[in-house]
Each structure stands twice: as structure tokens, then as C-alpha cells.
Amino acid sequence: MSFNLNDLLHNIHRFYAEDTWKEYLKADKLNDAINLLSERKARNEDIDLSDCLQLCDKVELILQKEELMRLYGIESKTKGRKLFKEVYKLRDKLAHSQDIVTGTSWPEVIDIVQKVGTLLEKSSESYFCNVF
């Protein structure tokens, strides 16, 4: 999923003027991002604070703005949280080389992947519509 996080960040910046997204994060999440930024700056990485957000933080920012939810085709916060809970489980299984079907089925895995693909397509479409 990291290949499209730039589009996601672009949309967060577009819908949260002048880093107002910080107001929507819990203090501990913001502090984690600030600490990670310090570490990465010490390694001379050219990044900003939003680059240090976790996927779950970015998802939460999407779910806080109706416009972003519409952009990604997310019908409600509840449905968005349910979808991303499944995405996180699948990501964790892949990251830890676990059997991705354990506790689920291939049709369910395929459904999650298709939904994520749709989200990523909408993200890219939105990005290119606003760049060109």
C-alpha cells in the first residue's frame, strides 16, 4: 500500500489547510509522529511531519472529513473502520509472512484486495485531477 501513500497524503493536505490535521489526532499519535520526524531528520531525510504518520492515523483523518470519505467512496465512518480493520489484519499477515487465509477465506481476501484497489484508484484519480 505504500506505493500510493503519497496520493493519500496529497489529499490530506488538500482537505486540511495548513496542517489543521494535527487537531484531529490524539496527543500520543502526534507525539509519535514528532519523535519519528526527529529521528528521520537526524538521518538527513527530507520529510515533513505528515510523512511520519502511521496508516491508521491517515485513515482516521480520512474518516473525519465527509469530503474525503466521499472521494474514496466510503459510505460511513463505521463502514470505513470495518474495512480498514480488515486491511490492517491482511497487512499484518503479509508483513509477518503468515498464511493470509487463516481465520478467513480466499473470497474474503479477494474482496478486501478489490476494495483497497478501488480506494487506491480513487486516490490516484483525485490526485491527477488536481495536478493537471
C-alpha atoms as a PDB file:
ATOM      1  CA  MET A   1       0.000   0.000   0.000  1.00  0.00           C
ATOM      2  CA  SER A   2       2.896   2.341   0.484  1.00  0.00           C
ATOM      3  CA  PHE A   3       3.062   2.966  -3.278  1.00  0.00           C
ATOM      4  CA  ASN A   4       0.005   5.213  -3.068  1.00  0.00           C
ATOM      5  CA  LEU A   5       0.501   6.870   0.299  1.00  0.00           C
ATOM      6  CA  ASN A   6       1.752   9.975  -1.492  1.00  0.00           C
ATOM      7  CA  ASP A   7      -1.652  10.394  -3.125  1.00  0.00           C
ATOM      8  CA  LEU A   8      -3.302   9.875   0.247  1.00  0.00           C
ATOM      9  CA  LEU A   9      -1.045  12.488   1.852  1.00  0.00           C
ATOM     10  CA  HIS A  10      -1.724  14.878  -1.019  1.00  0.00           C
ATOM     11  CA  ASN A  11      -5.450  14.588  -0.357  1.00  0.00           C
ATOM     12  CA  ILE A  12      -4.999  15.050   3.382  1.00  0.00           C
ATOM     13  CA  HIS A  13      -3.046  18.252   2.729  1.00  0.00           C
ATOM     14  CA  ARG A  14      -5.678  19.359   0.239  1.00  0.00           C
ATOM     15  CA  PHE A  15      -8.572  18.936   2.655  1.00  0.00           C
ATOM     16  CA  TYR A  16      -6.790  20.012   5.848  1.00  0.00           C
ATOM     17  CA  ALA A  17      -5.470  23.520   5.231  1.00  0.00           C
ATOM     18  CA  GLU A  18      -2.156  24.466   6.811  1.00  0.00           C
ATOM     19  CA  ASP A  19      -1.688  21.265   8.792  1.00  0.00           C
ATOM     20  CA  THR A  20      -5.014  21.549  10.643  1.00  0.00           C
ATOM     21  CA  TRP A  21      -4.991  17.738  10.537  1.00  0.00           C
ATOM     22  CA  LYS A  22      -2.911  17.867  13.727  1.00  0.00           C
ATOM     23  CA  GLU A  23      -6.029  18.886  15.672  1.00  0.00           C
ATOM     24  CA  TYR A  24      -7.720  15.597  14.755  1.00  0.00           C
ATOM     25  CA  LEU A  25      -5.021  13.284  16.090  1.00  0.00           C
ATOM     26  CA  LYS A  26      -4.736  12.057  19.657  1.00  0.00           C
ATOM     27  CA  ALA A  27      -1.807  13.623  21.522  1.00  0.00           C
ATOM     28  CA  ASP A  28       0.116  10.345  21.743  1.00  0.00           C
ATOM     29  CA  LYS A  29      -0.215   9.743  17.991  1.00  0.00           C
ATOM     30  CA  LEU A  30       1.012  13.250  17.229  1.00  0.00           C
ATOM     31  CA  ASN A  31       3.920  12.816  19.649  1.00  0.00           C
ATOM     32  CA  ASP A  32       4.855   9.513  17.990  1.00  0.00           C
ATOM     33  CA  ALA A  33       4.965  11.277  14.618  1.00  0.00           C
ATOM     34  CA  ILE A  34       7.031  14.145  16.064  1.00  0.00           C
ATOM     35  CA  ASN A  35       9.528  11.679  17.574  1.00  0.00           C
ATOM     36  CA  LEU A  36       9.798   9.766  14.311  1.00  0.00           C
ATOM     37  CA  LEU A  37      10.324  13.040  12.443  1.00  0.00           C
ATOM     38  CA  SER A  38      13.219  13.907  14.768  1.00  0.00           C
ATOM     39  CA  GLU A  39      14.819  10.504  14.184  1.00  0.00           C
ATOM     40  CA  ARG A  40      14.450  10.756  10.441  1.00  0.00           C
ATOM     41  CA  LYS A  41      15.697  14.355  10.302  1.00  0.00           C
ATOM     42  CA  ALA A  42      18.769  13.206  12.254  1.00  0.00           C
ATOM     43  CA  ARG A  43      19.407  10.834   9.321  1.00  0.00           C
ATOM     44  CA  ASN A  44      19.149  13.833   6.956  1.00  0.00           C
ATOM     45  CA  GLU A  45      15.872  12.692   5.409  1.00  0.00           C
ATOM     46  CA  ASP A  46      13.965  15.457   3.645  1.00  0.00           C
ATOM     47  CA  ILE A  47      10.461  14.899   5.039  1.00  0.00           C
ATOM     48  CA  ASP A  48       7.738  16.670   6.944  1.00  0.00           C
ATOM     49  CA  LEU A  49       5.599  15.647   9.877  1.00  0.00           C
ATOM     50  CA  SER A  50       2.777  14.195   7.793  1.00  0.00           C
ATOM     51  CA  ASP A  51       5.243  11.720   6.257  1.00  0.00           C
ATOM     52  CA  CYS A  52       5.671  10.260   9.751  1.00  0.00           C
ATOM     53  CA  LEU A  53       2.017   9.420  10.302  1.00  0.00           C
ATOM     54  CA  GLN A  54       1.027   5.779  10.599  1.00  0.00           C
ATOM     55  CA  LEU A  55      -1.515   4.328   8.176  1.00  0.00           C
ATOM     56  CA  CYS A  56      -4.133   4.197  10.950  1.00  0.00           C
ATOM     57  CA  ASP A  57      -3.621   7.937  11.571  1.00  0.00           C
ATOM     58  CA  LYS A  58      -4.128   8.717   7.889  1.00  0.00           C
ATOM     59  CA  VAL A  59      -7.254   6.590   7.828  1.00  0.00           C
ATOM     60  CA  GLU A  60      -8.608   8.425  10.862  1.00  0.00           C
ATOM     61  CA  LEU A  61      -8.018  11.738   9.091  1.00  0.00           C
ATOM     62  CA  ILE A  62      -9.934  10.470   6.060  1.00  0.00           C
ATOM     63  CA  LEU A  63     -12.825   9.403   8.284  1.00  0.00           C
ATOM     64  CA  GLN A  64     -13.003  12.848   9.913  1.00  0.00           C
ATOM     65  CA  LYS A  65     -13.845  14.640   6.650  1.00  0.00           C
ATOM     66  CA  GLU A  66     -17.037  13.888   4.724  1.00  0.00           C
ATOM     67  CA  GLU A  67     -15.393  15.162   1.545  1.00  0.00           C
ATOM     68  CA  LEU A  68     -12.535  12.688   1.866  1.00  0.00           C
ATOM     69  CA  MET A  69     -14.886   9.841   2.655  1.00  0.00           C
ATOM     70  CA  ARG A  70     -16.894  10.657  -0.485  1.00  0.00           C
ATOM     71  CA  LEU A  71     -13.700  10.938  -2.509  1.00  0.00           C
ATOM     72  CA  TYR A  72     -12.713   7.406  -1.500  1.00  0.00           C
ATOM     73  CA  GLY A  73     -16.236   6.010  -1.757  1.00  0.00           C
ATOM     74  CA  ILE A  74     -16.525   5.308   1.966  1.00  0.00           C
ATOM     75  CA  GLU A  75     -20.202   5.366   2.888  1.00  0.00           C
ATOM     76  CA  SER A  76     -19.841   5.884   6.648  1.00  0.00           C
ATOM     77  CA  LYS A  77     -17.255   6.028   9.405  1.00  0.00           C
ATOM     78  CA  THR A  78     -18.455   2.657  10.663  1.00  0.00           C
ATOM     79  CA  LYS A  79     -18.041   1.021   7.259  1.00  0.00           C
ATOM     80  CA  GLY A  80     -14.678   2.721   6.780  1.00  0.00           C
ATOM     81  CA  ARG A  81     -13.392   1.493  10.140  1.00  0.00           C
ATOM     82  CA  LYS A  82     -14.657  -2.018   9.393  1.00  0.00           C
ATOM     83  CA  LEU A  83     -12.924  -2.051   6.006  1.00  0.00           C
ATOM     84  CA  PHE A  84      -9.635  -0.776   7.374  1.00  0.00           C
ATOM     85  CA  LYS A  85      -9.725  -3.198  10.277  1.00  0.00           C
ATOM     86  CA  GLU A  86      -9.699  -5.957   7.659  1.00  0.00           C
ATOM     87  CA  VAL A  87      -6.971  -4.167   5.712  1.00  0.00           C
ATOM     88  CA  TYR A  88      -4.794  -3.927   8.842  1.00  0.00           C
ATOM     89  CA  LYS A  89      -5.247  -7.641   9.543  1.00  0.00           C
ATOM     90  CA  LEU A  90      -4.284  -8.535   5.991  1.00  0.00           C
ATOM     91  CA  ARG A  91      -1.297  -6.155   6.063  1.00  0.00           C
ATOM     92  CA  ASP A  92      -0.098  -7.652   9.345  1.00  0.00           C
ATOM     93  CA  LYS A  93      -0.346 -11.186   7.989  1.00  0.00           C
ATOM     94  CA  LEU A  94       1.619 -10.218   4.898  1.00  0.00           C
ATOM     95  CA  ALA A  95       4.228  -8.303   6.891  1.00  0.00           C
ATOM     96  CA  HIS A  96       4.807 -11.252   9.211  1.00  0.00           C
ATOM     97  CA  SER A  97       4.767 -13.930   6.491  1.00  0.00           C
ATOM     98  CA  GLN A  98       1.643 -15.561   7.872  1.00  0.00           C
ATOM     99  CA  ASP A  99      -0.931 -17.543   5.949  1.00  0.00           C
ATOM    100  CA  ILE A 100      -3.263 -14.810   4.729  1.00  0.00           C
ATOM    101  CA  VAL A 101      -6.289 -17.094   4.618  1.00  0.00           C
ATOM    102  CA  THR A 102      -6.106 -18.308   8.233  1.00  0.00           C
ATOM    103  CA  GLY A 103      -9.221 -17.074  10.005  1.00  0.00           C
ATOM    104  CA  THR A 104     -10.821 -16.000   6.730  1.00  0.00           C
ATOM    105  CA  SER A 105     -11.370 -17.316   3.198  1.00  0.00           C
ATOM    106  CA  TRP A 106      -9.956 -16.600  -0.238  1.00  0.00           C
ATOM    107  CA  PRO A 107     -13.155 -14.850  -1.383  1.00  0.00           C
ATOM    108  CA  GLU A 108     -12.917 -12.553   1.677  1.00  0.00           C
ATOM    109  CA  VAL A 109      -9.234 -11.805   0.988  1.00  0.00           C
ATOM    110  CA  ILE A 110     -10.021 -11.085  -2.659  1.00  0.00           C
ATOM    111  CA  ASP A 111     -12.890  -8.805  -1.612  1.00  0.00           C
ATOM    112  CA  ILE A 112     -10.596  -6.799   0.690  1.00  0.00           C
ATOM    113  CA  VAL A 113      -7.935  -6.504  -2.016  1.00  0.00           C
ATOM    114  CA  GLN A 114     -10.520  -5.341  -4.557  1.00  0.00           C
ATOM    115  CA  LYS A 115     -11.867  -2.719  -2.146  1.00  0.00           C
ATOM    116  CA  VAL A 116      -8.359  -1.443  -1.454  1.00  0.00           C
ATOM    117  CA  GLY A 117      -7.711  -1.366  -5.200  1.00  0.00           C
ATOM    118  CA  THR A 118     -10.797   0.779  -5.661  1.00  0.00           C
ATOM    119  CA  LEU A 119      -9.650   3.154  -2.899  1.00  0.00           C
ATOM    120  CA  LEU A 120      -6.213   3.443  -4.483  1.00  0.00           C
ATOM    121  CA  GLU A 121      -7.693   4.100  -7.922  1.00  0.00           C
ATOM    122  CA  LYS A 122      -9.886   6.860  -6.487  1.00  0.00           C
ATOM    123  CA  SER A 123      -6.861   8.306  -4.715  1.00  0.00           C
ATOM    124  CA  SER A 124      -4.831   8.368  -7.929  1.00  0.00           C
ATOM    125  CA  GLU A 125      -7.724   9.783  -9.965  1.00  0.00           C
ATOM    126  CA  SER A 126      -8.213  12.527  -7.407  1.00  0.00           C
ATOM    127  CA  TYR A 127      -4.508  13.318  -7.389  1.00  0.00           C
ATOM    128  CA  PHE A 128      -4.234  13.593 -11.154  1.00  0.00           C
ATOM    129  CA  CYS A 129      -7.458  15.629 -11.448  1.00  0.00           C
ATOM    130  CA  ASN A 130      -5.951  18.210  -9.115  1.00  0.00           C
ATOM    131  CA  VAL A 131      -2.427  18.212 -10.519  1.00  0.00           C
ATOM    132  CA  PHE A 132      -3.246  18.618 -14.210  1.00  0.00           C
END
